[in-house]
Amino acid sequence: MEITQTGILEVNLQNKSETVSVKVDEQIEKIVKALSSRTRRQILHHIQEEPMDVSNIAASLAMTEANISAQIKKLEEAGLITCDYASGDHGVRKISKLKFNKLVIEF
């Protein structure tokens, strides 16, 4: 994360080229709130390499699936991730992936 003197905050989520720029105060507030949680930042870190389902994220962070689902919902509402659903061995799996690789917040 880097804040420049021109009022731009850059967050590199991956070392790839897809960038999203956010200027709307309401969206900036949602993103900042989402990033304020250590658990949500850990989730973003875990899904950097490849999309993961709630069960695998919960197991890797030693947390409950209910907690991870709640955290994923907040990341999704902030526009940081997207979720897809796929058939699993015991029903439907919710698979989370990064929405973009670099976020630029302008203020």
PDB file of N, CA and C in Angstrom:
ATOM      1  N   MET A   1       0.849  -1.153   0.000  1.00  0.00           N
ATOM      2  CA  MET A   1       0.000   0.000   0.000  1.00  0.00           C
ATOM      3  C   MET A   1       0.905   1.229   0.000  1.00  0.00           C
ATOM      4  N   GLU A   2       0.564   2.192  -0.813  1.00  0.00           N
ATOM      5  CA  GLU A   2       1.390   3.392  -0.927  1.00  0.00           C
ATOM      6  C   GLU A   2       0.504   4.615  -1.086  1.00  0.00           C
ATOM      7  N   ILE A   3       0.791   5.661  -0.321  1.00  0.00           N
ATOM      8  CA  ILE A   3       0.072   6.929  -0.471  1.00  0.00           C
ATOM      9  C   ILE A   3       1.047   7.939  -1.054  1.00  0.00           C
ATOM     10  N   THR A   4       0.683   8.513  -2.183  1.00  0.00           N
ATOM     11  CA  THR A   4       1.543   9.506  -2.821  1.00  0.00           C
ATOM     12  C   THR A   4       1.131  10.899  -2.358  1.00  0.00           C
ATOM     13  N   GLN A   5       1.947  11.879  -2.658  1.00  0.00           N
ATOM     14  CA  GLN A   5       1.648  13.251  -2.256  1.00  0.00           C
ATOM     15  C   GLN A   5       0.499  13.865  -3.036  1.00  0.00           C
ATOM     16  N   THR A   6       0.087  13.250  -4.112  1.00  0.00           N
ATOM     17  CA  THR A   6      -0.994  13.796  -4.925  1.00  0.00           C
ATOM     18  C   THR A   6      -2.368  13.292  -4.498  1.00  0.00           C
ATOM     19  N   GLY A   7      -2.463  12.624  -3.355  1.00  0.00           N
ATOM     20  CA  GLY A   7      -3.751  12.150  -2.884  1.00  0.00           C
ATOM     21  C   GLY A   7      -4.206  10.876  -3.546  1.00  0.00           C
ATOM     22  N   ILE A   8      -3.286   9.973  -3.842  1.00  0.00           N
ATOM     23  CA  ILE A   8      -3.628   8.702  -4.466  1.00  0.00           C
ATOM     24  C   ILE A   8      -3.107   7.577  -3.578  1.00  0.00           C
ATOM     25  N   LEU A   9      -3.953   6.635  -3.265  1.00  0.00           N
ATOM     26  CA  LEU A   9      -3.573   5.453  -2.515  1.00  0.00           C
ATOM     27  C   LEU A   9      -3.608   4.279  -3.479  1.00  0.00           C
ATOM     28  N   GLU A  10      -2.492   3.588  -3.624  1.00  0.00           N
ATOM     29  CA  GLU A  10      -2.435   2.423  -4.503  1.00  0.00           C
ATOM     30  C   GLU A  10      -2.309   1.170  -3.670  1.00  0.00           C
ATOM     31  N   VAL A  11      -3.138   0.185  -3.965  1.00  0.00           N
ATOM     32  CA  VAL A  11      -3.094  -1.099  -3.289  1.00  0.00           C
ATOM     33  C   VAL A  11      -2.850  -2.161  -4.344  1.00  0.00           C
ATOM     34  N   ASN A  12      -1.693  -2.797  -4.301  1.00  0.00           N
ATOM     35  CA  ASN A  12      -1.380  -3.872  -5.238  1.00  0.00           C
ATOM     36  C   ASN A  12      -1.839  -5.184  -4.639  1.00  0.00           C
ATOM     37  N   LEU A  13      -2.817  -5.805  -5.257  1.00  0.00           N
ATOM     38  CA  LEU A  13      -3.323  -7.075  -4.776  1.00  0.00           C
ATOM     39  C   LEU A  13      -2.592  -8.240  -5.438  1.00  0.00           C
ATOM     40  N   GLN A  14      -2.071  -8.022  -6.613  1.00  0.00           N
ATOM     41  CA  GLN A  14      -1.274  -9.003  -7.324  1.00  0.00           C
ATOM     42  C   GLN A  14      -0.323  -8.251  -8.229  1.00  0.00           C
ATOM     43  N   ASN A  15       0.659  -8.944  -8.715  1.00  0.00           N
ATOM     44  CA  ASN A  15       1.608  -8.317  -9.637  1.00  0.00           C
ATOM     45  C   ASN A  15       1.176  -8.523 -11.086  1.00  0.00           C
ATOM     46  N   LYS A  16      -0.015  -8.090 -11.401  1.00  0.00           N
ATOM     47  CA  LYS A  16      -0.538  -8.170 -12.762  1.00  0.00           C
ATOM     48  C   LYS A  16      -1.006  -6.784 -13.164  1.00  0.00           C
ATOM     49  N   SER A  17      -1.498  -6.640 -14.369  1.00  0.00           N
ATOM     50  CA  SER A  17      -1.735  -5.305 -14.915  1.00  0.00           C
ATOM     51  C   SER A  17      -3.147  -4.743 -14.735  1.00  0.00           C
ATOM     52  N   GLU A  18      -4.141  -5.535 -14.416  1.00  0.00           N
ATOM     53  CA  GLU A  18      -5.514  -5.021 -14.342  1.00  0.00           C
ATOM     54  C   GLU A  18      -5.677  -4.066 -13.155  1.00  0.00           C
ATOM     55  N   THR A  19      -6.053  -2.811 -13.440  1.00  0.00           N
ATOM     56  CA  THR A  19      -6.153  -1.769 -12.423  1.00  0.00           C
ATOM     57  C   THR A  19      -7.548  -1.173 -12.408  1.00  0.00           C
ATOM     58  N   VAL A  20      -8.049  -0.878 -11.212  1.00  0.00           N
ATOM     59  CA  VAL A  20      -9.322  -0.192 -11.048  1.00  0.00           C
ATOM     60  C   VAL A  20      -9.052   1.064 -10.241  1.00  0.00           C
ATOM     61  N   SER A  21      -9.630   2.180 -10.677  1.00  0.00           N
ATOM     62  CA  SER A  21      -9.477   3.449  -9.982  1.00  0.00           C
ATOM     63  C   SER A  21     -10.810   3.843  -9.359  1.00  0.00           C
ATOM     64  N   VAL A  22     -10.781   4.211  -8.071  1.00  0.00           N
ATOM     65  CA  VAL A  22     -12.005   4.571  -7.350  1.00  0.00           C
ATOM     66  C   VAL A  22     -11.882   6.015  -6.894  1.00  0.00           C
ATOM     67  N   LYS A  23     -12.920   6.827  -7.172  1.00  0.00           N
ATOM     68  CA  LYS A  23     -12.924   8.237  -6.789  1.00  0.00           C
ATOM     69  C   LYS A  23     -14.135   8.609  -5.938  1.00  0.00           C
ATOM     70  N   VAL A  24     -15.160   7.780  -5.920  1.00  0.00           N
ATOM     71  CA  VAL A  24     -16.407   8.085  -5.231  1.00  0.00           C
ATOM     72  C   VAL A  24     -16.246   7.829  -3.730  1.00  0.00           C
ATOM     73  N   ASP A  25     -16.533   8.859  -2.916  1.00  0.00           N
ATOM     74  CA  ASP A  25     -16.337   8.765  -1.467  1.00  0.00           C
ATOM     75  C   ASP A  25     -17.030   7.563  -0.836  1.00  0.00           C
ATOM     76  N   GLU A  26     -18.259   7.300  -1.227  1.00  0.00           N
ATOM     77  CA  GLU A  26     -19.016   6.196  -0.650  1.00  0.00           C
ATOM     78  C   GLU A  26     -18.304   4.856  -0.888  1.00  0.00           C
ATOM     79  N   GLN A  27     -17.798   4.651  -2.088  1.00  0.00           N
ATOM     80  CA  GLN A  27     -17.091   3.406  -2.408  1.00  0.00           C
ATOM     81  C   GLN A  27     -15.743   3.352  -1.687  1.00  0.00           C
ATOM     82  N   ILE A  28     -15.062   4.478  -1.591  1.00  0.00           N
ATOM     83  CA  ILE A  28     -13.778   4.532  -0.872  1.00  0.00           C
ATOM     84  C   ILE A  28     -13.988   4.106   0.582  1.00  0.00           C
ATOM     85  N   GLU A  29     -15.047   4.591   1.213  1.00  0.00           N
ATOM     86  CA  GLU A  29     -15.326   4.243   2.605  1.00  0.00           C
ATOM     87  C   GLU A  29     -15.571   2.749   2.767  1.00  0.00           C
ATOM     88  N   LYS A  30     -16.319   2.134   1.849  1.00  0.00           N
ATOM     89  CA  LYS A  30     -16.559   0.693   1.907  1.00  0.00           C
ATOM     90  C   LYS A  30     -15.253  -0.088   1.785  1.00  0.00           C
ATOM     91  N   ILE A  31     -14.398   0.345   0.868  1.00  0.00           N
ATOM     92  CA  ILE A  31     -13.124  -0.344   0.648  1.00  0.00           C
ATOM     93  C   ILE A  31     -12.217  -0.211   1.860  1.00  0.00           C
ATOM     94  N   VAL A  32     -12.112   0.998   2.397  1.00  0.00           N
ATOM     95  CA  VAL A  32     -11.244   1.225   3.556  1.00  0.00           C
ATOM     96  C   VAL A  32     -11.743   0.408   4.753  1.00  0.00           C
ATOM     97  N   LYS A  33     -13.048   0.365   4.968  1.00  0.00           N
ATOM     98  CA  LYS A  33     -13.604  -0.440   6.065  1.00  0.00           C
ATOM     99  C   LYS A  33     -13.300  -1.920   5.852  1.00  0.00           C
ATOM    100  N   ALA A  34     -13.440  -2.378   4.619  1.00  0.00           N
ATOM    101  CA  ALA A  34     -13.155  -3.788   4.323  1.00  0.00           C
ATOM    102  C   ALA A  34     -11.691  -4.111   4.575  1.00  0.00           C
ATOM    103  N   LEU A  35     -10.794  -3.202   4.202  1.00  0.00           N
ATOM    104  CA  LEU A  35      -9.362  -3.437   4.380  1.00  0.00           C
ATOM    105  C   LEU A  35      -8.899  -3.241   5.824  1.00  0.00           C
ATOM    106  N   SER A  36      -9.756  -2.689   6.674  1.00  0.00           N
ATOM    107  CA  SER A  36      -9.366  -2.446   8.066  1.00  0.00           C
ATOM    108  C   SER A  36      -9.341  -3.725   8.899  1.00  0.00           C
ATOM    109  N   SER A  37      -9.896  -4.793   8.386  1.00  0.00           N
ATOM    110  CA  SER A  37      -9.939  -6.058   9.114  1.00  0.00           C
ATOM    111  C   SER A  37      -8.774  -6.962   8.707  1.00  0.00           C
ATOM    112  N   ARG A  38      -8.034  -7.421   9.710  1.00  0.00           N
ATOM    113  CA  ARG A  38      -6.909  -8.337   9.448  1.00  0.00           C
ATOM    114  C   ARG A  38      -7.412  -9.612   8.773  1.00  0.00           C
ATOM    115  N   THR A  39      -8.534 -10.150   9.217  1.00  0.00           N
ATOM    116  CA  THR A  39      -9.090 -11.373   8.633  1.00  0.00           C
ATOM    117  C   THR A  39      -9.410 -11.169   7.156  1.00  0.00           C
ATOM    118  N   ARG A  40     -10.013 -10.048   6.821  1.00  0.00           N
ATOM    119  CA  ARG A  40     -10.352  -9.793   5.413  1.00  0.00           C
ATOM    120  C   ARG A  40      -9.089  -9.621   4.572  1.00  0.00           C
ATOM    121  N   ARG A  41      -8.061  -9.000   5.126  1.00  0.00           N
ATOM    122  CA  ARG A  41      -6.795  -8.888   4.390  1.00  0.00           C
ATOM    123  C   ARG A  41      -6.160 -10.268   4.197  1.00  0.00           C
ATOM    124  N   GLN A  42      -6.295 -11.135   5.191  1.00  0.00           N
ATOM    125  CA  GLN A  42      -5.771 -12.500   5.063  1.00  0.00           C
ATOM    126  C   GLN A  42      -6.520 -13.261   3.973  1.00  0.00           C
ATOM    127  N   ILE A  43      -7.824 -13.065   3.904  1.00  0.00           N
ATOM    128  CA  ILE A  43      -8.614 -13.710   2.845  1.00  0.00           C
ATOM    129  C   ILE A  43      -8.126 -13.240   1.483  1.00  0.00           C
ATOM    130  N   LEU A  44      -7.935 -11.933   1.320  1.00  0.00           N
ATOM    131  CA  LEU A  44      -7.429 -11.408   0.046  1.00  0.00           C
ATOM    132  C   LEU A  44      -6.080 -12.032  -0.297  1.00  0.00           C
ATOM    133  N   HIS A  45      -5.246 -12.181   0.697  1.00  0.00           N
ATOM    134  CA  HIS A  45      -3.930 -12.791   0.482  1.00  0.00           C
ATOM    135  C   HIS A  45      -4.076 -14.251   0.011  1.00  0.00           C
ATOM    136  N   HIS A  46      -4.995 -14.989   0.619  1.00  0.00           N
ATOM    137  CA  HIS A  46      -5.166 -16.402   0.273  1.00  0.00           C
ATOM    138  C   HIS A  46      -5.755 -16.608  -1.120  1.00  0.00           C
ATOM    139  N   ILE A  47      -6.556 -15.691  -1.588  1.00  0.00           N
ATOM    140  CA  ILE A  47      -7.168 -15.887  -2.912  1.00  0.00           C
ATOM    141  C   ILE A  47      -6.397 -15.183  -4.022  1.00  0.00           C
ATOM    142  N   GLN A  48      -5.218 -14.661  -3.713  1.00  0.00           N
ATOM    143  CA  GLN A  48      -4.401 -13.998  -4.742  1.00  0.00           C
ATOM    144  C   GLN A  48      -4.007 -14.943  -5.869  1.00  0.00           C
ATOM    145  N   GLU A  49      -3.511 -16.097  -5.500  1.00  0.00           N
ATOM    146  CA  GLU A  49      -2.969 -17.038  -6.484  1.00  0.00           C
ATOM    147  C   GLU A  49      -4.058 -17.714  -7.302  1.00  0.00           C
ATOM    148  N   GLU A  50      -5.135 -18.106  -6.617  1.00  0.00           N
ATOM    149  CA  GLU A  50      -6.231 -18.786  -7.302  1.00  0.00           C
ATOM    150  C   GLU A  50      -7.508 -18.643  -6.487  1.00  0.00           C
ATOM    151  N   PRO A  51      -8.653 -18.715  -7.140  1.00  0.00           N
ATOM    152  CA  PRO A  51      -9.925 -18.649  -6.415  1.00  0.00           C
ATOM    153  C   PRO A  51     -10.019 -19.798  -5.407  1.00  0.00           C
ATOM    154  N   MET A  52     -10.672 -19.529  -4.284  1.00  0.00           N
ATOM    155  CA  MET A  52     -10.846 -20.548  -3.247  1.00  0.00           C
ATOM    156  C   MET A  52     -12.280 -20.538  -2.741  1.00  0.00           C
ATOM    157  N   ASP A  53     -12.738 -21.705  -2.271  1.00  0.00           N
ATOM    158  CA  ASP A  53     -14.070 -21.748  -1.681  1.00  0.00           C
ATOM    159  C   ASP A  53     -13.997 -21.473  -0.185  1.00  0.00           C
ATOM    160  N   VAL A  54     -15.144 -21.195   0.401  1.00  0.00           N
ATOM    161  CA  VAL A  54     -15.235 -20.812   1.813  1.00  0.00           C
ATOM    162  C   VAL A  54     -14.602 -21.865   2.712  1.00  0.00           C
ATOM    163  N   SER A  55     -14.853 -23.139   2.438  1.00  0.00           N
ATOM    164  CA  SER A  55     -14.314 -24.218   3.283  1.00  0.00           C
ATOM    165  C   SER A  55     -12.795 -24.206   3.302  1.00  0.00           C
ATOM    166  N   ASN A  56     -12.186 -24.046   2.148  1.00  0.00           N
ATOM    167  CA  ASN A  56     -10.724 -24.048   2.076  1.00  0.00           C
ATOM    168  C   ASN A  56     -10.120 -22.809   2.734  1.00  0.00           C
ATOM    169  N   ILE A  57     -10.763 -21.665   2.559  1.00  0.00           N
ATOM    170  CA  ILE A  57     -10.277 -20.445   3.218  1.00  0.00           C
ATOM    171  C   ILE A  57     -10.376 -20.611   4.728  1.00  0.00           C
ATOM    172  N   ALA A  58     -11.522 -21.118   5.200  1.00  0.00           N
ATOM    173  CA  ALA A  58     -11.718 -21.312   6.639  1.00  0.00           C
ATOM    174  C   ALA A  58     -10.672 -22.271   7.206  1.00  0.00           C
ATOM    175  N   ALA A  59     -10.402 -23.352   6.506  1.00  0.00           N
ATOM    176  CA  ALA A  59      -9.410 -24.321   6.976  1.00  0.00           C
ATOM    177  C   ALA A  59      -8.011 -23.707   7.012  1.00  0.00           C
ATOM    178  N   SER A  60      -7.669 -22.948   5.990  1.00  0.00           N
ATOM    179  CA  SER A  60      -6.316 -22.366   5.933  1.00  0.00           C
ATOM    180  C   SER A  60      -6.110 -21.286   6.991  1.00  0.00           C
ATOM    181  N   LEU A  61      -7.200 -20.627   7.426  1.00  0.00           N
ATOM    182  CA  LEU A  61      -7.098 -19.583   8.453  1.00  0.00           C
ATOM    183  C   LEU A  61      -7.511 -20.077   9.838  1.00  0.00           C
ATOM    184  N   ALA A  62      -7.876 -21.354   9.944  1.00  0.00           N
ATOM    185  CA  ALA A  62      -8.318 -21.949  11.198  1.00  0.00           C
ATOM    186  C   ALA A  62      -9.474 -21.152  11.820  1.00  0.00           C
ATOM    187  N   MET A  63     -10.471 -20.856  10.985  1.00  0.00           N
ATOM    188  CA  MET A  63     -11.662 -20.127  11.420  1.00  0.00           C
ATOM    189  C   MET A  63     -12.899 -20.880  10.960  1.00  0.00           C
ATOM    190  N   THR A  64     -14.041 -20.482  11.471  1.00  0.00           N
ATOM    191  CA  THR A  64     -15.281 -21.145  11.075  1.00  0.00           C
ATOM    192  C   THR A  64     -15.715 -20.688   9.683  1.00  0.00           C
ATOM    193  N   GLU A  65     -16.453 -21.548   9.015  1.00  0.00           N
ATOM    194  CA  GLU A  65     -16.983 -21.187   7.698  1.00  0.00           C
ATOM    195  C   GLU A  65     -17.964 -20.031   7.809  1.00  0.00           C
ATOM    196  N   ALA A  66     -18.721 -19.980   8.903  1.00  0.00           N
ATOM    197  CA  ALA A  66     -19.680 -18.882   9.105  1.00  0.00           C
ATOM    198  C   ALA A  66     -18.955 -17.543   9.182  1.00  0.00           C
ATOM    199  N   ASN A  67     -17.855 -17.482   9.911  1.00  0.00           N
ATOM    200  CA  ASN A  67     -17.081 -16.248  10.018  1.00  0.00           C
ATOM    201  C   ASN A  67     -16.510 -15.856   8.662  1.00  0.00           C
ATOM    202  N   ILE A  68     -15.937 -16.808   7.963  1.00  0.00           N
ATOM    203  CA  ILE A  68     -15.348 -16.517   6.652  1.00  0.00           C
ATOM    204  C   ILE A  68     -16.427 -16.056   5.685  1.00  0.00           C
ATOM    205  N   SER A  69     -17.596 -16.675   5.718  1.00  0.00           N
ATOM    206  CA  SER A  69     -18.705 -16.248   4.840  1.00  0.00           C
ATOM    207  C   SER A  69     -19.094 -14.806   5.111  1.00  0.00           C
ATOM    208  N   ALA A  70     -19.153 -14.428   6.377  1.00  0.00           N
ATOM    209  CA  ALA A  70     -19.503 -13.044   6.734  1.00  0.00           C
ATOM    210  C   ALA A  70     -18.434 -12.073   6.241  1.00  0.00           C
ATOM    211  N   GLN A  71     -17.172 -12.456   6.366  1.00  0.00           N
ATOM    212  CA  GLN A  71     -16.077 -11.591   5.925  1.00  0.00           C
ATOM    213  C   GLN A  71     -16.056 -11.473   4.396  1.00  0.00           C
ATOM    214  N   ILE A  72     -16.326 -12.565   3.724  1.00  0.00           N
ATOM    215  CA  ILE A  72     -16.373 -12.555   2.262  1.00  0.00           C
ATOM    216  C   ILE A  72     -17.504 -11.648   1.778  1.00  0.00           C
ATOM    217  N   LYS A  73     -18.624 -11.677   2.468  1.00  0.00           N
ATOM    218  CA  LYS A  73     -19.749 -10.809   2.096  1.00  0.00           C
ATOM    219  C   LYS A  73     -19.331  -9.337   2.147  1.00  0.00           C
ATOM    220  N   LYS A  74     -18.581  -8.955   3.180  1.00  0.00           N
ATOM    221  CA  LYS A  74     -18.123  -7.568   3.290  1.00  0.00           C
ATOM    222  C   LYS A  74     -17.128  -7.215   2.185  1.00  0.00           C
ATOM    223  N   LEU A  75     -16.249  -8.135   1.843  1.00  0.00           N
ATOM    224  CA  LEU A  75     -15.303  -7.892   0.742  1.00  0.00           C
ATOM    225  C   LEU A  75     -16.038  -7.769  -0.593  1.00  0.00           C
ATOM    226  N   GLU A  76     -17.063  -8.570  -0.752  1.00  0.00           N
ATOM    227  CA  GLU A  76     -17.859  -8.527  -1.985  1.00  0.00           C
ATOM    228  C   GLU A  76     -18.648  -7.223  -2.072  1.00  0.00           C
ATOM    229  N   GLU A  77     -19.234  -6.787  -0.965  1.00  0.00           N
ATOM    230  CA  GLU A  77     -19.981  -5.525  -0.932  1.00  0.00           C
ATOM    231  C   GLU A  77     -19.078  -4.328  -1.207  1.00  0.00           C
ATOM    232  N   ALA A  78     -17.814  -4.427  -0.802  1.00  0.00           N
ATOM    233  CA  ALA A  78     -16.849  -3.352  -1.053  1.00  0.00           C
ATOM    234  C   ALA A  78     -16.345  -3.372  -2.492  1.00  0.00           C
ATOM    235  N   GLY A  79     -16.686  -4.418  -3.228  1.00  0.00           N
ATOM    236  CA  GLY A  79     -16.265  -4.515  -4.621  1.00  0.00           C
ATOM    237  C   GLY A  79     -14.852  -5.018  -4.804  1.00  0.00           C
ATOM    238  N   LEU A  80     -14.280  -5.651  -3.782  1.00  0.00           N
ATOM    239  CA  LEU A  80     -12.904  -6.143  -3.872  1.00  0.00           C
ATOM    240  C   LEU A  80     -12.807  -7.550  -4.441  1.00  0.00           C
ATOM    241  N   ILE A  81     -13.870  -8.331  -4.291  1.00  0.00           N
ATOM    242  CA  ILE A  81     -13.867  -9.699  -4.802  1.00  0.00           C
ATOM    243  C   ILE A  81     -15.174  -9.990  -5.525  1.00  0.00           C
ATOM    244  N   THR A  82     -15.176 -11.082  -6.262  1.00  0.00           N
ATOM    245  CA  THR A  82     -16.402 -11.606  -6.856  1.00  0.00           C
ATOM    246  C   THR A  82     -16.535 -13.053  -6.411  1.00  0.00           C
ATOM    247  N   CYS A  83     -17.755 -13.533  -6.401  1.00  0.00           N
ATOM    248  CA  CYS A  83     -18.001 -14.906  -5.984  1.00  0.00           C
ATOM    249  C   CYS A  83     -18.841 -15.620  -7.036  1.00  0.00           C
ATOM    250  N   ASP A  84     -18.485 -16.872  -7.249  1.00  0.00           N
ATOM    251  CA  ASP A  84     -19.237 -17.746  -8.140  1.00  0.00           C
ATOM    252  C   ASP A  84     -19.656 -18.966  -7.338  1.00  0.00           C
ATOM    253  N   TYR A  85     -20.623 -19.678  -7.830  1.00  0.00           N
ATOM    254  CA  TYR A  85     -21.098 -20.879  -7.161  1.00  0.00           C
ATOM    255  C   TYR A  85     -20.853 -22.075  -8.063  1.00  0.00           C
ATOM    256  N   ALA A  86     -20.418 -23.187  -7.450  1.00  0.00           N
ATOM    257  CA  ALA A  86     -20.141 -24.414  -8.192  1.00  0.00           C
ATOM    258  C   ALA A  86     -20.618 -25.605  -7.375  1.00  0.00           C
ATOM    259  N   SER A  87     -20.946 -26.673  -8.056  1.00  0.00           N
ATOM    260  CA  SER A  87     -21.363 -27.889  -7.367  1.00  0.00           C
ATOM    261  C   SER A  87     -20.195 -28.477  -6.605  1.00  0.00           C
ATOM    262  N   GLY A  88     -20.484 -28.973  -5.416  1.00  0.00           N
ATOM    263  CA  GLY A  88     -19.470 -29.620  -4.593  1.00  0.00           C
ATOM    264  C   GLY A  88     -19.951 -30.979  -4.145  1.00  0.00           C
ATOM    265  N   ASP A  89     -19.143 -31.660  -3.351  1.00  0.00           N
ATOM    266  CA  ASP A  89     -19.500 -32.988  -2.857  1.00  0.00           C
ATOM    267  C   ASP A  89     -20.723 -32.942  -1.941  1.00  0.00           C
ATOM    268  N   HIS A  90     -20.875 -31.844  -1.196  1.00  0.00           N
ATOM    269  CA  HIS A  90     -21.967 -31.743  -0.230  1.00  0.00           C
ATOM    270  C   HIS A  90     -22.828 -30.515  -0.492  1.00  0.00           C
ATOM    271  N   GLY A  91     -23.139 -30.251  -1.727  1.00  0.00           N
ATOM    272  CA  GLY A  91     -23.970 -29.096  -2.063  1.00  0.00           C
ATOM    273  C   GLY A  91     -23.219 -28.090  -2.907  1.00  0.00           C
ATOM    274  N   VAL A  92     -23.579 -26.838  -2.762  1.00  0.00           N
ATOM    275  CA  VAL A  92     -23.020 -25.764  -3.573  1.00  0.00           C
ATOM    276  C   VAL A  92     -21.850 -25.121  -2.831  1.00  0.00           C
ATOM    277  N   ARG A  93     -20.770 -24.849  -3.549  1.00  0.00           N
ATOM    278  CA  ARG A  93     -19.606 -24.173  -2.974  1.00  0.00           C
ATOM    279  C   ARG A  93     -19.570 -22.733  -3.463  1.00  0.00           C
ATOM    280  N   LYS A  94     -19.254 -21.806  -2.569  1.00  0.00           N
ATOM    281  CA  LYS A  94     -19.091 -20.400  -2.929  1.00  0.00           C
ATOM    282  C   LYS A  94     -17.601 -20.162  -3.131  1.00  0.00           C
ATOM    283  N   ILE A  95     -17.235 -19.792  -4.351  1.00  0.00           N
ATOM    284  CA  ILE A  95     -15.824 -19.622  -4.696  1.00  0.00           C
ATOM    285  C   ILE A  95     -15.529 -18.137  -4.872  1.00  0.00           C
ATOM    286  N   SER A  96     -14.532 -17.660  -4.145  1.00  0.00           N
ATOM    287  CA  SER A  96     -14.170 -16.241  -4.160  1.00  0.00           C
ATOM    288  C   SER A  96     -12.891 -16.018  -4.942  1.00  0.00           C
ATOM    289  N   LYS A  97     -12.864 -14.900  -5.682  1.00  0.00           N
ATOM    290  CA  LYS A  97     -11.653 -14.519  -6.405  1.00  0.00           C
ATOM    291  C   LYS A  97     -11.535 -13.002  -6.415  1.00  0.00           C
ATOM    292  N   LEU A  98     -10.315 -12.528  -6.594  1.00  0.00           N
ATOM    293  CA  LEU A  98     -10.089 -11.089  -6.662  1.00  0.00           C
ATOM    294  C   LEU A  98     -10.805 -10.515  -7.870  1.00  0.00           C
ATOM    295  N   LYS A  99     -11.361  -9.341  -7.704  1.00  0.00           N
ATOM    296  CA  LYS A  99     -12.070  -8.674  -8.798  1.00  0.00           C
ATOM    297  C   LYS A  99     -11.089  -7.983  -9.740  1.00  0.00           C
ATOM    298  N   PHE A 100      -9.966  -7.536  -9.195  1.00  0.00           N
ATOM    299  CA  PHE A 100      -8.938  -6.859  -9.985  1.00  0.00           C
ATOM    300  C   PHE A 100      -7.609  -7.041  -9.276  1.00  0.00           C
ATOM    301  N   ASN A 101      -6.550  -6.640  -9.903  1.00  0.00           N
ATOM    302  CA  ASN A 101      -5.208  -6.867  -9.370  1.00  0.00           C
ATOM    303  C   ASN A 101      -4.596  -5.650  -8.694  1.00  0.00           C
ATOM    304  N   LYS A 102      -5.039  -4.478  -9.079  1.00  0.00           N
ATOM    305  CA  LYS A 102      -4.507  -3.249  -8.495  1.00  0.00           C
ATOM    306  C   LYS A 102      -5.645  -2.275  -8.312  1.00  0.00           C
ATOM    307  N   LEU A 103      -5.694  -1.660  -7.127  1.00  0.00           N
ATOM    308  CA  LEU A 103      -6.722  -0.703  -6.783  1.00  0.00           C
ATOM    309  C   LEU A 103      -6.083   0.646  -6.557  1.00  0.00           C
ATOM    310  N   VAL A 104      -6.585   1.671  -7.217  1.00  0.00           N
ATOM    311  CA  VAL A 104      -6.097   3.034  -7.024  1.00  0.00           C
ATOM    312  C   VAL A 104      -7.250   3.854  -6.466  1.00  0.00           C
ATOM    313  N   ILE A 105      -7.046   4.417  -5.282  1.00  0.00           N
ATOM    314  CA  ILE A 105      -8.059   5.266  -4.655  1.00  0.00           C
ATOM    315  C   ILE A 105      -7.588   6.713  -4.768  1.00  0.00           C
ATOM    316  N   GLU A 106      -8.404   7.532  -5.411  1.00  0.00           N
ATOM    317  CA  GLU A 106      -8.057   8.947  -5.590  1.00  0.00           C
ATOM    318  C   GLU A 106      -8.930   9.787  -4.677  1.00  0.00           C
ATOM    319  N   PHE A 107      -8.292  10.690  -3.938  1.00  0.00           N
ATOM    320  CA  PHE A 107      -9.048  11.567  -3.034  1.00  0.00           C
ATOM    321  C   PHE A 107      -8.484  12.960  -3.059  1.00  0.00           C
TER     322      PHE A 107
END
